[in-house]
Amino acid sequence: MARKLKVAALQVGAVHRTAKREDTLARIIKLVEEAAALGVKVAVLPELALTTFFARIVGLDDDPAHPEKLDDWYEKGDIRTSKNVKPLFDRAAELGVDICLGYGELTEKGEHFNTCAYVQGDKELAKYRKVHLPGTVEPFPNPDAVNQLEKRYFIPGTLGFKAFRAPNLTPGSDPIMGMMICNDRRWAESWRCYGLQGVELVMCGYNTANWGPDLFGHAENTNATFSISAARAGYDDDKYGMIGSSTIIHPEGHIIAISKTLDDEVVYAEIDLDDCLAPKEKIFNFGKHRRVEHYGIITEQTGVVVPPVAA
C-alpha cells in the first residue's frame, strides 16, 4: 500500500526589523490555511520564522544605540502556549495540519537556542536545536558587512539529531522524520545521523543571504529520504536579500516542487514515502555497505590535519 502524504514548505517573504510578531503570525496562519485547502498534512516553516533574522543585527546585547533587549527576540517557555505563537497552533490543529516551526528559544536557565519544534494538534512531538552555528561572535570590522552573529546570540544545540515518528499521517507505519536548521544542511554528518535512524522525511527551515562576501569561504543527500526546505525570502528592511528557493526533494535527488517567488508562498507536493524503500534496500543499504572501521577520523578530529610534506 502506498504511503502518500501531502506536504508543504511555507515560504515567508520579507520580515522587517520593525515588524510586529502578530502581523507576521497572521501571514503565517494565512499560509497554513492555503496549505490546508490543498490537503496538506505537514507544513514546514523557516528558521526564526516569527521575526526578522536578528542574528545579523549588531549590538542587540550591548549597544545603547539599539535599545531592544536581546531576550525580546526569543520565545520563552512552552512554545505551544506562547502568546506569540498559540494562535498558529490552534488554527493548525483545527485544520489538521502538523507544523514544523523555527524560532528563537530562551530556556528557564537563560540559554539561547536557534530551535524548531514539530507540533501535531496540542502535542509537541519533537524539538531540535541547531547544532552547526555559522558566523562569528564579534561583528566584522567592515561597517557595511552583512553580519552573521549566531555564535553570539545562540549556543550550539544540545539535543543531537534524533529522529521521531509522527502518527496518523500515512497508511501502515508512521513516517520517520528529522529536523535541521539552515547551516545543518551543509554538513554530511547531519544527514547521516538521521539516515542511520531510517529517516524518510527531513524538514529544514533556513535564512540564507543572497549576497554576503564576508560570510562565505552542500550536503549531498545520500540517505534515501525526502526533504522539505522552507526559506525566508525577499529583502528584509528593503536591504538584506534572502534567497528563497524553498524546495521539496525526492530521495533520488530531483526537485519535486520549488518556489516561484520571493514572497509568502505555499510550495507543496504529494509524496509517497515508499519511494524511500528502494534506495534504502539497494545502493544506500547501510547494513551491507558501510565500513565504520575506516570512519574514525570523523569523530576523532574536528579541524583539518593535512598529510606531512614529503622529505
C-alpha atoms as a PDB file:
ATOM      1  CA  MET A   1       0.000   0.000   0.000  1.00  0.00           C
ATOM      2  CA  ALA A   2       1.348   3.422  -1.000  1.00  0.00           C
ATOM      3  CA  ARG A   3       2.139   5.756   1.888  1.00  0.00           C
ATOM      4  CA  LYS A   4       1.139   9.027   0.282  1.00  0.00           C
ATOM      5  CA  LEU A   5       1.320  12.324   2.124  1.00  0.00           C
ATOM      6  CA  LYS A   6       0.711  15.926   1.061  1.00  0.00           C
ATOM      7  CA  VAL A   7       3.422  18.224   2.406  1.00  0.00           C
ATOM      8  CA  ALA A   8       4.394  21.863   2.036  1.00  0.00           C
ATOM      9  CA  ALA A   9       7.195  24.329   2.571  1.00  0.00           C
ATOM     10  CA  LEU A  10       5.658  27.601   3.713  1.00  0.00           C
ATOM     11  CA  GLN A  11       7.991  30.258   2.376  1.00  0.00           C
ATOM     12  CA  VAL A  12       7.853  33.584   4.207  1.00  0.00           C
ATOM     13  CA  GLY A  13       8.780  36.789   2.412  1.00  0.00           C
ATOM     14  CA  ALA A  14      10.442  39.857   3.869  1.00  0.00           C
ATOM     15  CA  VAL A  15      10.074  40.427   7.609  1.00  0.00           C
ATOM     16  CA  HIS A  16      11.458  43.792   8.633  1.00  0.00           C
ATOM     17  CA  ARG A  17      13.160  44.585  11.911  1.00  0.00           C
ATOM     18  CA  THR A  18      10.189  46.737  12.895  1.00  0.00           C
ATOM     19  CA  ALA A  19       7.578  44.095  12.012  1.00  0.00           C
ATOM     20  CA  LYS A  20       5.162  43.176  14.791  1.00  0.00           C
ATOM     21  CA  ARG A  21       5.047  39.492  15.671  1.00  0.00           C
ATOM     22  CA  GLU A  22       1.249  39.411  15.447  1.00  0.00           C
ATOM     23  CA  ASP A  23       1.396  40.693  11.863  1.00  0.00           C
ATOM     24  CA  THR A  24       3.984  38.098  10.860  1.00  0.00           C
ATOM     25  CA  LEU A  25       1.954  35.400  12.607  1.00  0.00           C
ATOM     26  CA  ALA A  26      -1.171  36.444  10.665  1.00  0.00           C
ATOM     27  CA  ARG A  27       0.768  35.967   7.413  1.00  0.00           C
ATOM     28  CA  ILE A  28       1.910  32.524   8.541  1.00  0.00           C
ATOM     29  CA  ILE A  29      -1.615  31.471   9.545  1.00  0.00           C
ATOM     30  CA  LYS A  30      -2.838  32.538   6.106  1.00  0.00           C
ATOM     31  CA  LEU A  31      -0.221  30.272   4.526  1.00  0.00           C
ATOM     32  CA  VAL A  32      -1.325  27.365   6.732  1.00  0.00           C
ATOM     33  CA  GLU A  33      -4.925  27.922   5.657  1.00  0.00           C
ATOM     34  CA  GLU A  34      -3.902  27.940   1.992  1.00  0.00           C
ATOM     35  CA  ALA A  35      -1.926  24.735   2.517  1.00  0.00           C
ATOM     36  CA  ALA A  36      -4.843  23.055   4.304  1.00  0.00           C
ATOM     37  CA  ALA A  37      -7.111  23.904   1.368  1.00  0.00           C
ATOM     38  CA  LEU A  38      -4.691  21.903  -0.810  1.00  0.00           C
ATOM     39  CA  GLY A  39      -4.928  18.903   1.509  1.00  0.00           C
ATOM     40  CA  VAL A  40      -1.521  19.418   3.123  1.00  0.00           C
ATOM     41  CA  LYS A  41      -0.936  17.495   6.358  1.00  0.00           C
ATOM     42  CA  VAL A  42       2.649  18.562   7.159  1.00  0.00           C
ATOM     43  CA  ALA A  43       3.789  22.171   6.779  1.00  0.00           C
ATOM     44  CA  VAL A  44       7.352  23.375   7.363  1.00  0.00           C
ATOM     45  CA  LEU A  45       8.189  26.989   8.225  1.00  0.00           C
ATOM     46  CA  PRO A  46      11.526  28.801   8.023  1.00  0.00           C
ATOM     47  CA  GLU A  47      14.196  29.271  10.633  1.00  0.00           C
ATOM     48  CA  LEU A  48      13.344  32.075  13.090  1.00  0.00           C
ATOM     49  CA  ALA A  49      10.033  32.403  11.271  1.00  0.00           C
ATOM     50  CA  LEU A  50       8.425  34.878  13.690  1.00  0.00           C
ATOM     51  CA  THR A  51      10.958  37.716  13.378  1.00  0.00           C
ATOM     52  CA  THR A  52      13.485  39.197  11.053  1.00  0.00           C
ATOM     53  CA  PHE A  53      16.795  37.323  11.036  1.00  0.00           C
ATOM     54  CA  PHE A  54      18.018  39.152  14.120  1.00  0.00           C
ATOM     55  CA  ALA A  55      21.393  37.383  14.138  1.00  0.00           C
ATOM     56  CA  ARG A  56      22.534  39.916  11.557  1.00  0.00           C
ATOM     57  CA  ILE A  57      21.867  42.870  13.895  1.00  0.00           C
ATOM     58  CA  VAL A  58      24.906  44.256  15.678  1.00  0.00           C
ATOM     59  CA  GLY A  59      24.667  45.278  19.328  1.00  0.00           C
ATOM     60  CA  LEU A  60      21.418  43.743  20.476  1.00  0.00           C
ATOM     61  CA  ASP A  61      23.107  42.778  23.715  1.00  0.00           C
ATOM     62  CA  ASP A  62      25.415  45.714  24.355  1.00  0.00           C
ATOM     63  CA  ASP A  63      24.893  48.729  22.088  1.00  0.00           C
ATOM     64  CA  PRO A  64      22.952  51.688  23.553  1.00  0.00           C
ATOM     65  CA  ALA A  65      22.068  52.743  20.016  1.00  0.00           C
ATOM     66  CA  HIS A  66      19.826  49.667  19.811  1.00  0.00           C
ATOM     67  CA  PRO A  67      17.534  49.705  22.848  1.00  0.00           C
ATOM     68  CA  GLU A  68      15.902  46.326  22.221  1.00  0.00           C
ATOM     69  CA  LYS A  69      16.563  43.729  24.863  1.00  0.00           C
ATOM     70  CA  LEU A  70      18.111  40.603  23.387  1.00  0.00           C
ATOM     71  CA  ASP A  71      15.666  38.320  25.182  1.00  0.00           C
ATOM     72  CA  ASP A  72      12.717  40.009  23.490  1.00  0.00           C
ATOM     73  CA  TRP A  73      13.654  38.256  20.249  1.00  0.00           C
ATOM     74  CA  TYR A  74      13.135  34.794  21.758  1.00  0.00           C
ATOM     75  CA  GLU A  75      10.154  32.693  22.839  1.00  0.00           C
ATOM     76  CA  LYS A  76      10.074  31.732  26.494  1.00  0.00           C
ATOM     77  CA  GLY A  77       8.548  28.597  27.994  1.00  0.00           C
ATOM     78  CA  ASP A  78       6.271  26.128  26.222  1.00  0.00           C
ATOM     79  CA  ILE A  79       6.154  27.136  22.554  1.00  0.00           C
ATOM     80  CA  ARG A  80       2.634  25.694  22.221  1.00  0.00           C
ATOM     81  CA  THR A  81       1.218  28.163  24.733  1.00  0.00           C
ATOM     82  CA  SER A  82       3.376  31.210  23.920  1.00  0.00           C
ATOM     83  CA  LYS A  83       1.135  34.208  23.302  1.00  0.00           C
ATOM     84  CA  ASN A  84       3.161  34.954  20.177  1.00  0.00           C
ATOM     85  CA  VAL A  85       2.534  31.521  18.651  1.00  0.00           C
ATOM     86  CA  LYS A  86      -0.535  29.874  20.210  1.00  0.00           C
ATOM     87  CA  PRO A  87      -2.981  31.237  17.576  1.00  0.00           C
ATOM     88  CA  LEU A  88      -0.929  29.449  14.892  1.00  0.00           C
ATOM     89  CA  PHE A  89      -1.012  26.085  16.622  1.00  0.00           C
ATOM     90  CA  ASP A  90      -4.702  26.466  17.476  1.00  0.00           C
ATOM     91  CA  ARG A  91      -5.594  27.155  13.840  1.00  0.00           C
ATOM     92  CA  ALA A  92      -3.337  24.385  12.537  1.00  0.00           C
ATOM     93  CA  ALA A  93      -4.990  21.921  14.940  1.00  0.00           C
ATOM     94  CA  GLU A  94      -8.430  22.963  13.677  1.00  0.00           C
ATOM     95  CA  LEU A  95      -7.273  22.354  10.110  1.00  0.00           C
ATOM     96  CA  GLY A  96      -5.495  19.065  10.864  1.00  0.00           C
ATOM     97  CA  VAL A  97      -2.065  20.352   9.762  1.00  0.00           C
ATOM     98  CA  ASP A  98       1.151  19.389  11.571  1.00  0.00           C
ATOM     99  CA  ILE A  99       3.570  22.304  11.931  1.00  0.00           C
ATOM    100  CA  CYS A 100       7.369  22.422  11.983  1.00  0.00           C
ATOM    101  CA  LEU A 101       8.219  25.915  13.244  1.00  0.00           C
ATOM    102  CA  GLY A 102      11.582  27.651  13.619  1.00  0.00           C
ATOM    103  CA  TYR A 103      12.029  30.182  16.442  1.00  0.00           C
ATOM    104  CA  GLY A 104      14.480  31.621  18.942  1.00  0.00           C
ATOM    105  CA  GLU A 105      14.237  29.737  22.237  1.00  0.00           C
ATOM    106  CA  LEU A 106      15.048  31.153  25.690  1.00  0.00           C
ATOM    107  CA  THR A 107      15.194  28.443  28.332  1.00  0.00           C
ATOM    108  CA  GLU A 108      14.454  28.709  32.046  1.00  0.00           C
ATOM    109  CA  LYS A 109      18.234  28.596  32.605  1.00  0.00           C
ATOM    110  CA  GLY A 110      18.705  31.649  30.407  1.00  0.00           C
ATOM    111  CA  GLU A 111      20.162  29.713  27.465  1.00  0.00           C
ATOM    112  CA  HIS A 112      19.530  30.942  23.929  1.00  0.00           C
ATOM    113  CA  PHE A 113      18.983  28.383  21.158  1.00  0.00           C
ATOM    114  CA  ASN A 114      18.075  28.505  17.482  1.00  0.00           C
ATOM    115  CA  THR A 115      15.253  25.972  17.658  1.00  0.00           C
ATOM    116  CA  CYS A 116      12.481  24.267  15.734  1.00  0.00           C
ATOM    117  CA  ALA A 117       9.573  22.230  17.054  1.00  0.00           C
ATOM    118  CA  TYR A 118       7.224  19.733  15.429  1.00  0.00           C
ATOM    119  CA  VAL A 119       3.689  20.153  16.754  1.00  0.00           C
ATOM    120  CA  GLN A 120       0.716  17.912  15.994  1.00  0.00           C
ATOM    121  CA  GLY A 121      -2.557  19.123  17.464  1.00  0.00           C
ATOM    122  CA  ASP A 122      -1.774  20.120  21.043  1.00  0.00           C
ATOM    123  CA  LYS A 123       1.327  17.925  21.321  1.00  0.00           C
ATOM    124  CA  GLU A 124       4.959  18.819  20.701  1.00  0.00           C
ATOM    125  CA  LEU A 125       6.251  15.574  19.197  1.00  0.00           C
ATOM    126  CA  ALA A 126       9.851  16.695  18.817  1.00  0.00           C
ATOM    127  CA  LYS A 127      12.248  19.581  19.286  1.00  0.00           C
ATOM    128  CA  TYR A 128      15.569  20.272  17.590  1.00  0.00           C
ATOM    129  CA  ARG A 129      18.212  22.859  18.436  1.00  0.00           C
ATOM    130  CA  LYS A 130      20.625  23.980  15.722  1.00  0.00           C
ATOM    131  CA  VAL A 131      23.994  22.285  16.054  1.00  0.00           C
ATOM    132  CA  HIS A 132      26.099  23.921  13.335  1.00  0.00           C
ATOM    133  CA  LEU A 133      26.079  27.641  14.165  1.00  0.00           C
ATOM    134  CA  PRO A 134      27.787  29.691  11.435  1.00  0.00           C
ATOM    135  CA  GLY A 135      29.312  33.138  11.620  1.00  0.00           C
ATOM    136  CA  THR A 136      31.245  34.923  14.336  1.00  0.00           C
ATOM    137  CA  VAL A 137      30.983  36.176  17.894  1.00  0.00           C
ATOM    138  CA  GLU A 138      32.252  39.639  17.036  1.00  0.00           C
ATOM    139  CA  PRO A 139      30.969  41.789  14.155  1.00  0.00           C
ATOM    140  CA  PHE A 140      33.087  42.239  11.053  1.00  0.00           C
ATOM    141  CA  PRO A 141      35.323  45.358  11.020  1.00  0.00           C
ATOM    142  CA  ASN A 142      33.650  46.477   7.784  1.00  0.00           C
ATOM    143  CA  PRO A 143      30.646  48.590   8.927  1.00  0.00           C
ATOM    144  CA  ASP A 144      28.799  47.751   5.710  1.00  0.00           C
ATOM    145  CA  ALA A 145      29.254  43.982   6.051  1.00  0.00           C
ATOM    146  CA  VAL A 146      26.303  41.615   6.346  1.00  0.00           C
ATOM    147  CA  ASN A 147      26.970  40.143   9.772  1.00  0.00           C
ATOM    148  CA  GLN A 148      26.173  36.627  10.933  1.00  0.00           C
ATOM    149  CA  LEU A 149      26.274  36.648  14.733  1.00  0.00           C
ATOM    150  CA  GLU A 150      24.677  33.312  15.559  1.00  0.00           C
ATOM    151  CA  LYS A 151      27.692  32.363  17.661  1.00  0.00           C
ATOM    152  CA  ARG A 152      26.984  35.462  19.741  1.00  0.00           C
ATOM    153  CA  TYR A 153      23.236  35.197  20.134  1.00  0.00           C
ATOM    154  CA  PHE A 154      22.890  31.384  20.385  1.00  0.00           C
ATOM    155  CA  ILE A 155      24.744  28.427  21.838  1.00  0.00           C
ATOM    156  CA  PRO A 156      25.132  25.135  19.918  1.00  0.00           C
ATOM    157  CA  GLY A 157      22.211  22.719  20.161  1.00  0.00           C
ATOM    158  CA  THR A 158      22.140  20.158  22.955  1.00  0.00           C
ATOM    159  CA  LEU A 159      19.599  17.643  21.634  1.00  0.00           C
ATOM    160  CA  GLY A 160      21.520  16.000  18.782  1.00  0.00           C
ATOM    161  CA  PHE A 161      19.894  14.599  15.674  1.00  0.00           C
ATOM    162  CA  LYS A 162      17.038  12.450  16.972  1.00  0.00           C
ATOM    163  CA  ALA A 163      14.547  11.022  14.503  1.00  0.00           C
ATOM    164  CA  PHE A 164      10.932  10.607  15.578  1.00  0.00           C
ATOM    165  CA  ARG A 165       7.654   9.203  14.307  1.00  0.00           C
ATOM    166  CA  ALA A 166       4.602  11.342  13.541  1.00  0.00           C
ATOM    167  CA  PRO A 167       1.422   9.290  13.981  1.00  0.00           C
ATOM    168  CA  ASN A 168      -1.780   9.201  11.965  1.00  0.00           C
ATOM    169  CA  LEU A 169      -0.367  10.629   8.736  1.00  0.00           C
ATOM    170  CA  THR A 170       0.028   7.672   6.374  1.00  0.00           C
ATOM    171  CA  PRO A 171      -1.392   4.172   5.964  1.00  0.00           C
ATOM    172  CA  GLY A 172       0.687   1.435   7.545  1.00  0.00           C
ATOM    173  CA  SER A 173       3.726   2.590   9.503  1.00  0.00           C
ATOM    174  CA  ASP A 174       4.082   6.151  10.788  1.00  0.00           C
ATOM    175  CA  PRO A 175       6.619   8.352   8.962  1.00  0.00           C
ATOM    176  CA  ILE A 176      10.120   8.619  10.413  1.00  0.00           C
ATOM    177  CA  MET A 177      11.100  12.293  10.496  1.00  0.00           C
ATOM    178  CA  GLY A 178      14.014  14.513  11.383  1.00  0.00           C
ATOM    179  CA  MET A 179      14.671  18.236  11.633  1.00  0.00           C
ATOM    180  CA  MET A 180      17.570  20.512  10.744  1.00  0.00           C
ATOM    181  CA  ILE A 181      18.047  24.261  10.670  1.00  0.00           C
ATOM    182  CA  CYS A 182      19.767  26.145   7.861  1.00  0.00           C
ATOM    183  CA  ASN A 183      23.545  25.544   8.079  1.00  0.00           C
ATOM    184  CA  ASP A 184      22.999  21.985   9.364  1.00  0.00           C
ATOM    185  CA  ARG A 185      22.000  21.007   5.831  1.00  0.00           C
ATOM    186  CA  ARG A 186      25.522  21.702   4.587  1.00  0.00           C
ATOM    187  CA  TRP A 187      27.090  19.093   6.870  1.00  0.00           C
ATOM    188  CA  ALA A 188      27.047  15.475   5.733  1.00  0.00           C
ATOM    189  CA  GLU A 189      27.106  14.328   9.355  1.00  0.00           C
ATOM    190  CA  SER A 190      23.640  15.797   9.946  1.00  0.00           C
ATOM    191  CA  TRP A 191      22.119  13.741   7.160  1.00  0.00           C
ATOM    192  CA  ARG A 192      23.969  10.560   8.052  1.00  0.00           C
ATOM    193  CA  CYS A 193      22.866  10.731  11.702  1.00  0.00           C
ATOM    194  CA  TYR A 194      19.279  10.739  10.505  1.00  0.00           C
ATOM    195  CA  GLY A 195      19.941   8.204   7.751  1.00  0.00           C
ATOM    196  CA  LEU A 196      21.183   5.752  10.365  1.00  0.00           C
ATOM    197  CA  GLN A 197      17.780   6.021  12.060  1.00  0.00           C
ATOM    198  CA  GLY A 198      15.878   5.189   8.863  1.00  0.00           C
ATOM    199  CA  VAL A 199      14.629   8.729   8.273  1.00  0.00           C
ATOM    200  CA  GLU A 200      12.083   9.196   5.479  1.00  0.00           C
ATOM    201  CA  LEU A 201      11.429  12.944   5.673  1.00  0.00           C
ATOM    202  CA  VAL A 202      13.851  15.658   6.774  1.00  0.00           C
ATOM    203  CA  MET A 203      12.460  19.138   7.440  1.00  0.00           C
ATOM    204  CA  CYS A 204      14.722  22.174   7.283  1.00  0.00           C
ATOM    205  CA  GLY A 205      13.936  25.856   7.720  1.00  0.00           C
ATOM    206  CA  TYR A 206      16.523  28.426   6.709  1.00  0.00           C
ATOM    207  CA  ASN A 207      17.520  32.068   6.305  1.00  0.00           C
ATOM    208  CA  THR A 208      20.234  32.383   3.683  1.00  0.00           C
ATOM    209  CA  ALA A 209      21.566  35.685   2.390  1.00  0.00           C
ATOM    210  CA  ASN A 210      21.661  36.128  -1.361  1.00  0.00           C
ATOM    211  CA  TRP A 211      24.925  38.045  -1.026  1.00  0.00           C
ATOM    212  CA  GLY A 212      27.388  38.162   1.831  1.00  0.00           C
ATOM    213  CA  PRO A 213      31.050  38.031   0.756  1.00  0.00           C
ATOM    214  CA  ASP A 214      32.226  38.457   4.344  1.00  0.00           C
ATOM    215  CA  LEU A 215      30.358  35.249   5.269  1.00  0.00           C
ATOM    216  CA  PHE A 216      31.099  32.712   2.599  1.00  0.00           C
ATOM    217  CA  GLY A 217      34.514  30.910   2.333  1.00  0.00           C
ATOM    218  CA  HIS A 218      26.074  21.394   0.465  1.00  0.00           C
ATOM    219  CA  ALA A 219      25.462  18.471   1.826  1.00  0.00           C
ATOM    220  CA  GLU A 220      24.543  15.830  -0.665  1.00  0.00           C
ATOM    221  CA  ASN A 221      21.577  13.841   0.471  1.00  0.00           C
ATOM    222  CA  THR A 222      22.739  10.235   0.215  1.00  0.00           C
ATOM    223  CA  ASN A 223      20.419   8.884   2.860  1.00  0.00           C
ATOM    224  CA  ALA A 224      17.358   7.887   0.802  1.00  0.00           C
ATOM    225  CA  THR A 225      14.983  10.450   2.287  1.00  0.00           C
ATOM    226  CA  PHE A 226      12.595  13.142   1.154  1.00  0.00           C
ATOM    227  CA  SER A 227      13.405  16.655   2.284  1.00  0.00           C
ATOM    228  CA  ILE A 228      11.360  19.817   2.694  1.00  0.00           C
ATOM    229  CA  SER A 229      13.272  23.089   2.860  1.00  0.00           C
ATOM    230  CA  ALA A 230      11.344  26.237   3.829  1.00  0.00           C
ATOM    231  CA  ALA A 231      13.027  29.571   3.228  1.00  0.00           C
ATOM    232  CA  ARG A 232      12.785  33.177   4.169  1.00  0.00           C
ATOM    233  CA  ALA A 233      12.777  35.265   1.001  1.00  0.00           C
ATOM    234  CA  GLY A 234      12.759  38.816  -0.289  1.00  0.00           C
ATOM    235  CA  TYR A 235      14.517  41.850   1.174  1.00  0.00           C
ATOM    236  CA  ASP A 236      14.341  42.447   4.908  1.00  0.00           C
ATOM    237  CA  ASP A 237      14.373  46.160   5.662  1.00  0.00           C
ATOM    238  CA  ASP A 238      14.460  46.594   1.855  1.00  0.00           C
ATOM    239  CA  LYS A 239      18.177  45.891   2.151  1.00  0.00           C
ATOM    240  CA  TYR A 240      19.044  42.359   3.222  1.00  0.00           C
ATOM    241  CA  GLY A 241      18.299  39.889   0.436  1.00  0.00           C
ATOM    242  CA  MET A 242      17.230  36.325   1.238  1.00  0.00           C
ATOM    243  CA  ILE A 243      17.489  33.651  -1.452  1.00  0.00           C
ATOM    244  CA  GLY A 244      14.117  31.916  -1.108  1.00  0.00           C
ATOM    245  CA  SER A 245      14.147  28.792  -3.291  1.00  0.00           C
ATOM    246  CA  SER A 246      12.016  26.678  -0.958  1.00  0.00           C
ATOM    247  CA  THR A 247      12.006  23.099  -2.217  1.00  0.00           C
ATOM    248  CA  ILE A 248      10.669  19.589  -1.820  1.00  0.00           C
ATOM    249  CA  ILE A 249      13.244  16.995  -2.870  1.00  0.00           C
ATOM    250  CA  HIS A 250      12.783  13.322  -3.814  1.00  0.00           C
ATOM    251  CA  PRO A 251      15.028  10.606  -2.271  1.00  0.00           C
ATOM    252  CA  GLU A 252      16.673  10.211  -5.675  1.00  0.00           C
ATOM    253  CA  GLY A 253      17.727  13.857  -5.505  1.00  0.00           C
ATOM    254  CA  HIS A 254      15.453  15.538  -8.028  1.00  0.00           C
ATOM    255  CA  ILE A 255      13.303  18.563  -7.252  1.00  0.00           C
ATOM    256  CA  ILE A 256       9.596  17.822  -6.926  1.00  0.00           C
ATOM    257  CA  ALA A 257       8.492  21.386  -6.176  1.00  0.00           C
ATOM    258  CA  ILE A 258      10.233  24.758  -5.860  1.00  0.00           C
ATOM    259  CA  SER A 259       9.079  28.273  -5.042  1.00  0.00           C
ATOM    260  CA  LYS A 260       8.372  30.660  -7.890  1.00  0.00           C
ATOM    261  CA  THR A 261       8.521  33.956  -5.983  1.00  0.00           C
ATOM    262  CA  LEU A 262      10.379  35.784  -3.238  1.00  0.00           C
ATOM    263  CA  ASP A 263       7.154  36.389  -1.329  1.00  0.00           C
ATOM    264  CA  ASP A 264       4.911  34.410   1.000  1.00  0.00           C
ATOM    265  CA  GLU A 265       4.192  31.178  -0.897  1.00  0.00           C
ATOM    266  CA  VAL A 266       2.936  27.647  -0.372  1.00  0.00           C
ATOM    267  CA  VAL A 267       5.226  25.120  -2.076  1.00  0.00           C
ATOM    268  CA  TYR A 268       3.506  21.742  -1.935  1.00  0.00           C
ATOM    269  CA  ALA A 269       3.526  18.224  -3.317  1.00  0.00           C
ATOM    270  CA  GLU A 270       2.085  14.798  -2.707  1.00  0.00           C
ATOM    271  CA  ILE A 271       4.871  12.371  -1.883  1.00  0.00           C
ATOM    272  CA  ASP A 272       4.941   8.596  -1.425  1.00  0.00           C
ATOM    273  CA  LEU A 273       7.210   7.631   1.446  1.00  0.00           C
ATOM    274  CA  ASP A 274       7.556   4.154  -0.027  1.00  0.00           C
ATOM    275  CA  ASP A 275       9.827   5.785  -2.630  1.00  0.00           C
ATOM    276  CA  CYS A 276      12.481   5.664   0.111  1.00  0.00           C
ATOM    277  CA  LEU A 277      12.456   1.859   0.171  1.00  0.00           C
ATOM    278  CA  ALA A 278      14.397   1.006  -2.989  1.00  0.00           C
ATOM    279  CA  PRO A 279      17.461   3.176  -2.276  1.00  0.00           C
ATOM    280  CA  LYS A 280      17.482   2.131   1.396  1.00  0.00           C
ATOM    281  CA  GLU A 281      17.482  -1.534   0.317  1.00  0.00           C
ATOM    282  CA  LYS A 282      19.990  -1.150  -2.534  1.00  0.00           C
ATOM    283  CA  ILE A 283      22.733   1.426  -3.025  1.00  0.00           C
ATOM    284  CA  PHE A 284      22.280   3.025   0.414  1.00  0.00           C
ATOM    285  CA  ASN A 285      21.773  -0.180   2.347  1.00  0.00           C
ATOM    286  CA  PHE A 286      23.959   0.893   5.256  1.00  0.00           C
ATOM    287  CA  GLY A 287      23.996  -2.516   6.902  1.00  0.00           C
ATOM    288  CA  LYS A 288      25.592  -4.053   3.807  1.00  0.00           C
ATOM    289  CA  HIS A 289      27.898  -1.322   2.595  1.00  0.00           C
ATOM    290  CA  ARG A 290      29.127   0.933   5.415  1.00  0.00           C
ATOM    291  CA  ARG A 291      32.651   0.328   6.713  1.00  0.00           C
ATOM    292  CA  VAL A 292      32.717   2.004  10.094  1.00  0.00           C
ATOM    293  CA  GLU A 293      36.198   0.722  10.915  1.00  0.00           C
ATOM    294  CA  HIS A 294      37.525   3.329   8.467  1.00  0.00           C
ATOM    295  CA  TYR A 295      35.487   6.333   9.656  1.00  0.00           C
ATOM    296  CA  GLY A 296      37.224   7.058  12.958  1.00  0.00           C
ATOM    297  CA  ILE A 297      38.705  10.331  11.741  1.00  0.00           C
ATOM    298  CA  ILE A 298      35.199  11.818  11.572  1.00  0.00           C
ATOM    299  CA  THR A 299      34.733  11.735  15.340  1.00  0.00           C
ATOM    300  CA  GLU A 300      38.357  11.810  16.451  1.00  0.00           C
ATOM    301  CA  GLN A 301      39.246  15.019  14.655  1.00  0.00           C
ATOM    302  CA  THR A 302      37.487  18.398  14.301  1.00  0.00           C
ATOM    303  CA  GLY A 303      39.681  20.611  12.124  1.00  0.00           C
ATOM    304  CA  VAL A 304      41.788  19.761   9.098  1.00  0.00           C
ATOM    305  CA  VAL A 305      45.105  17.949   9.588  1.00  0.00           C
ATOM    306  CA  VAL A 306      46.980  17.701   6.301  1.00  0.00           C
ATOM    307  CA  PRO A 307      49.456  14.906   5.462  1.00  0.00           C
ATOM    308  CA  PRO A 308      53.119  15.746   6.149  1.00  0.00           C
ATOM    309  CA  VAL A 309      55.144  17.224   3.346  1.00  0.00           C
ATOM    310  CA  ALA A 310      57.329  14.654   1.646  1.00  0.00           C
ATOM    311  CA  ALA A 311      61.003  14.872   2.555  1.00  0.00           C
END
